[in-house]
N, C-alpha and C. Protein backbone atom coordinates (compact mmCIF):
# COMPACT_ATOMS: atom_id res chain seq x y z
N MET A 1 73.82 60.55 73.45
CA MET A 1 72.85 61.18 72.65
C MET A 1 72.78 60.54 71.28
N PRO A 2 71.61 60.32 70.71
CA PRO A 2 71.46 59.64 69.46
C PRO A 2 71.99 60.40 68.27
N LYS A 3 72.63 59.75 67.34
CA LYS A 3 73.15 60.37 66.12
C LYS A 3 72.46 59.70 64.96
N VAL A 4 72.20 60.46 63.86
CA VAL A 4 71.57 60.02 62.63
C VAL A 4 72.70 59.89 61.54
N TYR A 5 72.64 58.78 60.96
CA TYR A 5 73.58 58.44 59.85
C TYR A 5 72.72 58.17 58.55
N ALA A 6 73.38 58.47 57.39
CA ALA A 6 72.76 58.15 56.11
C ALA A 6 73.69 57.28 55.30
N GLN A 7 73.11 56.23 54.72
CA GLN A 7 73.99 55.34 53.87
C GLN A 7 73.31 55.18 52.51
N ALA A 8 74.16 55.27 51.51
CA ALA A 8 73.68 55.04 50.13
C ALA A 8 74.07 53.61 49.70
N THR A 9 73.17 52.99 48.93
CA THR A 9 73.44 51.69 48.43
C THR A 9 72.98 51.64 47.00
N HIS A 10 73.85 51.04 46.06
CA HIS A 10 73.50 50.95 44.62
C HIS A 10 72.45 49.93 44.56
N ILE A 11 71.31 50.21 43.94
CA ILE A 11 70.16 49.33 43.95
C ILE A 11 70.40 48.00 43.25
N GLN A 12 71.00 48.01 42.12
CA GLN A 12 71.26 46.79 41.37
C GLN A 12 72.17 45.79 42.03
N THR A 13 73.23 46.38 42.64
CA THR A 13 74.31 45.47 43.25
C THR A 13 74.20 45.36 44.65
N ASP A 14 73.48 46.23 45.31
CA ASP A 14 73.33 46.23 46.76
C ASP A 14 74.69 46.46 47.51
N ILE A 15 75.51 47.26 46.82
CA ILE A 15 76.82 47.61 47.35
C ILE A 15 76.76 49.01 47.93
N ALA A 16 77.24 49.18 49.20
CA ALA A 16 77.27 50.50 49.81
C ALA A 16 78.15 51.36 49.06
N THR A 17 77.64 52.63 48.77
CA THR A 17 78.46 53.51 47.91
C THR A 17 78.83 54.78 48.62
N GLN A 18 78.11 55.15 49.69
CA GLN A 18 78.50 56.42 50.39
C GLN A 18 77.85 56.43 51.71
N ALA A 19 78.50 56.99 52.72
CA ALA A 19 77.96 57.10 54.10
C ALA A 19 78.13 58.57 54.57
N LEU A 20 77.17 59.10 55.19
CA LEU A 20 77.21 60.45 55.69
C LEU A 20 76.80 60.47 57.16
N GLY A 21 77.41 61.42 57.91
CA GLY A 21 77.02 61.48 59.28
C GLY A 21 78.20 61.43 60.15
N PRO A 22 78.06 61.63 61.40
CA PRO A 22 76.74 61.75 62.10
C PRO A 22 76.10 63.06 62.09
N PHE A 23 74.80 63.10 62.24
CA PHE A 23 73.98 64.29 62.33
C PHE A 23 73.21 64.27 63.59
N GLU A 24 72.75 65.47 64.00
CA GLU A 24 71.98 65.67 65.27
C GLU A 24 70.52 65.22 64.93
N THR A 25 70.01 65.52 63.71
CA THR A 25 68.59 65.29 63.42
C THR A 25 68.40 64.63 62.05
N ASP A 26 67.30 64.04 61.92
CA ASP A 26 66.88 63.47 60.60
C ASP A 26 66.99 64.51 59.53
N GLN A 27 66.46 65.67 59.85
CA GLN A 27 66.40 66.79 58.85
C GLN A 27 67.79 67.14 58.27
N GLU A 28 68.80 67.17 59.26
CA GLU A 28 70.19 67.43 58.89
C GLU A 28 70.71 66.34 57.92
N ALA A 29 70.31 65.17 58.16
CA ALA A 29 70.70 63.96 57.28
C ALA A 29 70.07 64.10 55.98
N TRP A 30 68.76 64.43 55.96
CA TRP A 30 68.07 64.61 54.64
C TRP A 30 68.64 65.73 53.81
N ASP A 31 69.02 66.79 54.52
CA ASP A 31 69.60 67.99 53.86
C ASP A 31 70.92 67.61 53.25
N ALA A 32 71.78 66.74 53.88
CA ALA A 32 73.10 66.28 53.41
C ALA A 32 72.89 65.44 52.19
N VAL A 33 71.93 64.49 52.23
CA VAL A 33 71.61 63.68 51.12
C VAL A 33 71.23 64.49 49.93
N ALA A 34 70.35 65.39 50.17
CA ALA A 34 69.82 66.32 48.98
C ALA A 34 71.04 67.02 48.37
N LEU A 35 71.91 67.43 49.25
CA LEU A 35 73.11 68.10 48.74
C LEU A 35 73.97 67.13 47.88
N ALA A 36 74.14 65.87 48.37
CA ALA A 36 74.92 64.93 47.60
C ALA A 36 74.17 64.53 46.39
N GLU A 37 72.84 64.51 46.30
CA GLU A 37 72.16 64.06 45.04
C GLU A 37 71.91 65.29 44.21
N GLY A 38 72.03 66.47 44.71
CA GLY A 38 71.78 67.67 43.86
C GLY A 38 70.31 68.12 43.73
N ARG A 39 69.55 67.51 44.55
CA ARG A 39 68.00 67.87 44.52
C ARG A 39 67.36 67.35 45.79
N THR A 40 66.16 67.90 46.06
CA THR A 40 65.40 67.51 47.28
C THR A 40 64.79 66.16 46.93
N LEU A 41 64.50 65.40 48.00
CA LEU A 41 63.98 64.04 47.82
C LEU A 41 62.82 63.82 48.77
N ASP A 42 61.91 63.01 48.51
CA ASP A 42 60.77 62.65 49.36
C ASP A 42 61.05 61.38 50.10
N TRP A 43 61.23 61.41 51.46
CA TRP A 43 61.56 60.35 52.31
C TRP A 43 60.35 59.63 52.82
N GLU A 44 60.46 58.28 53.02
CA GLU A 44 59.49 57.51 53.55
C GLU A 44 59.97 56.84 54.87
N ARG A 45 58.97 56.68 55.85
CA ARG A 45 59.32 56.17 57.16
C ARG A 45 59.37 54.66 57.03
N THR A 46 60.41 54.01 57.64
CA THR A 46 60.51 52.53 57.72
C THR A 46 60.85 52.12 59.13
N LYS A 47 60.87 50.83 59.38
CA LYS A 47 61.09 50.38 60.69
C LYS A 47 62.53 50.85 61.22
N GLN A 48 63.54 50.93 60.34
CA GLN A 48 64.83 51.22 60.73
C GLN A 48 65.07 52.73 60.82
N GLY A 49 64.28 53.49 60.08
CA GLY A 49 64.50 54.99 59.95
C GLY A 49 63.75 55.47 58.82
N TYR A 50 64.38 56.10 57.88
CA TYR A 50 63.73 56.63 56.70
C TYR A 50 64.42 56.13 55.48
N THR A 51 63.82 56.09 54.32
CA THR A 51 64.42 55.60 53.04
C THR A 51 63.89 56.53 51.89
N VAL A 52 64.70 56.63 50.82
CA VAL A 52 64.32 57.26 49.64
C VAL A 52 65.18 56.60 48.50
N ARG A 53 64.57 56.60 47.34
CA ARG A 53 65.31 56.00 46.14
C ARG A 53 65.44 57.02 45.01
N THR A 54 66.61 56.97 44.35
CA THR A 54 66.76 57.66 43.10
C THR A 54 66.76 56.53 42.00
N LYS A 55 67.09 56.84 40.83
CA LYS A 55 67.12 55.88 39.74
C LYS A 55 68.03 54.71 40.07
N THR A 56 69.19 55.03 40.70
CA THR A 56 70.23 53.98 40.88
C THR A 56 70.62 53.76 42.36
N THR A 57 70.14 54.61 43.22
CA THR A 57 70.61 54.65 44.62
C THR A 57 69.49 54.58 45.62
N ARG A 58 69.65 53.78 46.66
CA ARG A 58 68.75 53.74 47.82
C ARG A 58 69.45 54.34 48.99
N TRP A 59 68.91 55.39 49.62
CA TRP A 59 69.39 55.99 50.81
C TRP A 59 68.63 55.54 52.04
N ILE A 60 69.20 55.29 53.11
CA ILE A 60 68.51 54.88 54.37
C ILE A 60 69.19 55.63 55.52
N THR A 61 68.33 56.22 56.31
CA THR A 61 68.84 56.93 57.57
C THR A 61 68.54 55.97 58.71
N GLU A 62 69.44 56.02 59.69
CA GLU A 62 69.16 55.37 60.94
C GLU A 62 69.74 56.07 62.06
N THR A 63 69.06 55.99 63.25
CA THR A 63 69.48 56.63 64.38
C THR A 63 70.21 55.66 65.24
N ARG A 64 71.42 56.00 65.68
CA ARG A 64 72.15 55.14 66.58
C ARG A 64 72.43 55.76 67.89
N VAL A 65 72.23 55.03 68.97
CA VAL A 65 72.61 55.54 70.29
C VAL A 65 73.97 54.95 70.69
N LEU A 66 74.90 55.82 71.00
CA LEU A 66 76.29 55.46 71.43
C LEU A 66 76.46 55.54 72.88
N ALA A 67 77.19 54.56 73.44
CA ALA A 67 77.53 54.56 74.85
C ALA A 67 78.54 55.71 75.07
N SER A 68 78.81 56.02 76.36
CA SER A 68 79.68 57.12 76.64
C SER A 68 81.06 56.93 76.15
N GLU A 69 81.53 55.64 76.02
CA GLU A 69 82.92 55.34 75.45
C GLU A 69 82.91 55.34 73.92
N GLY A 70 81.71 55.46 73.34
CA GLY A 70 81.66 55.45 71.86
C GLY A 70 81.24 54.21 71.22
N ALA A 71 81.10 53.15 72.10
CA ALA A 71 80.67 51.78 71.57
C ALA A 71 79.09 51.82 71.54
N PRO A 72 78.57 51.16 70.54
CA PRO A 72 77.08 51.12 70.39
C PRO A 72 76.47 50.46 71.56
N CYS A 73 75.37 50.94 72.03
CA CYS A 73 74.60 50.33 73.16
C CYS A 73 73.84 49.13 72.68
N PRO A 74 73.66 48.11 73.48
CA PRO A 74 72.83 47.06 73.06
C PRO A 74 71.37 47.43 73.07
N GLU A 75 70.60 46.91 72.15
CA GLU A 75 69.19 47.23 72.04
C GLU A 75 68.46 46.20 72.85
N GLY A 76 67.30 46.62 73.38
CA GLY A 76 66.47 45.64 74.05
C GLY A 76 65.92 46.06 75.18
């Protein structure tokens, strides 16, 4: 079953600063990011998932499909 993860990156340095998940839905991930940021945010669809920016942070969500053993499935 696919799982949704959210990752925060500092915009100026491109350093990952926080990771959240796994979540069952995009909405659950968005709600968790809103809680982490202390406010609701307007998400945009991208090729990889969804993205949103604050003044210093870029959040990206992505859906990952895991194999039954827990290893990522190859795409293609």
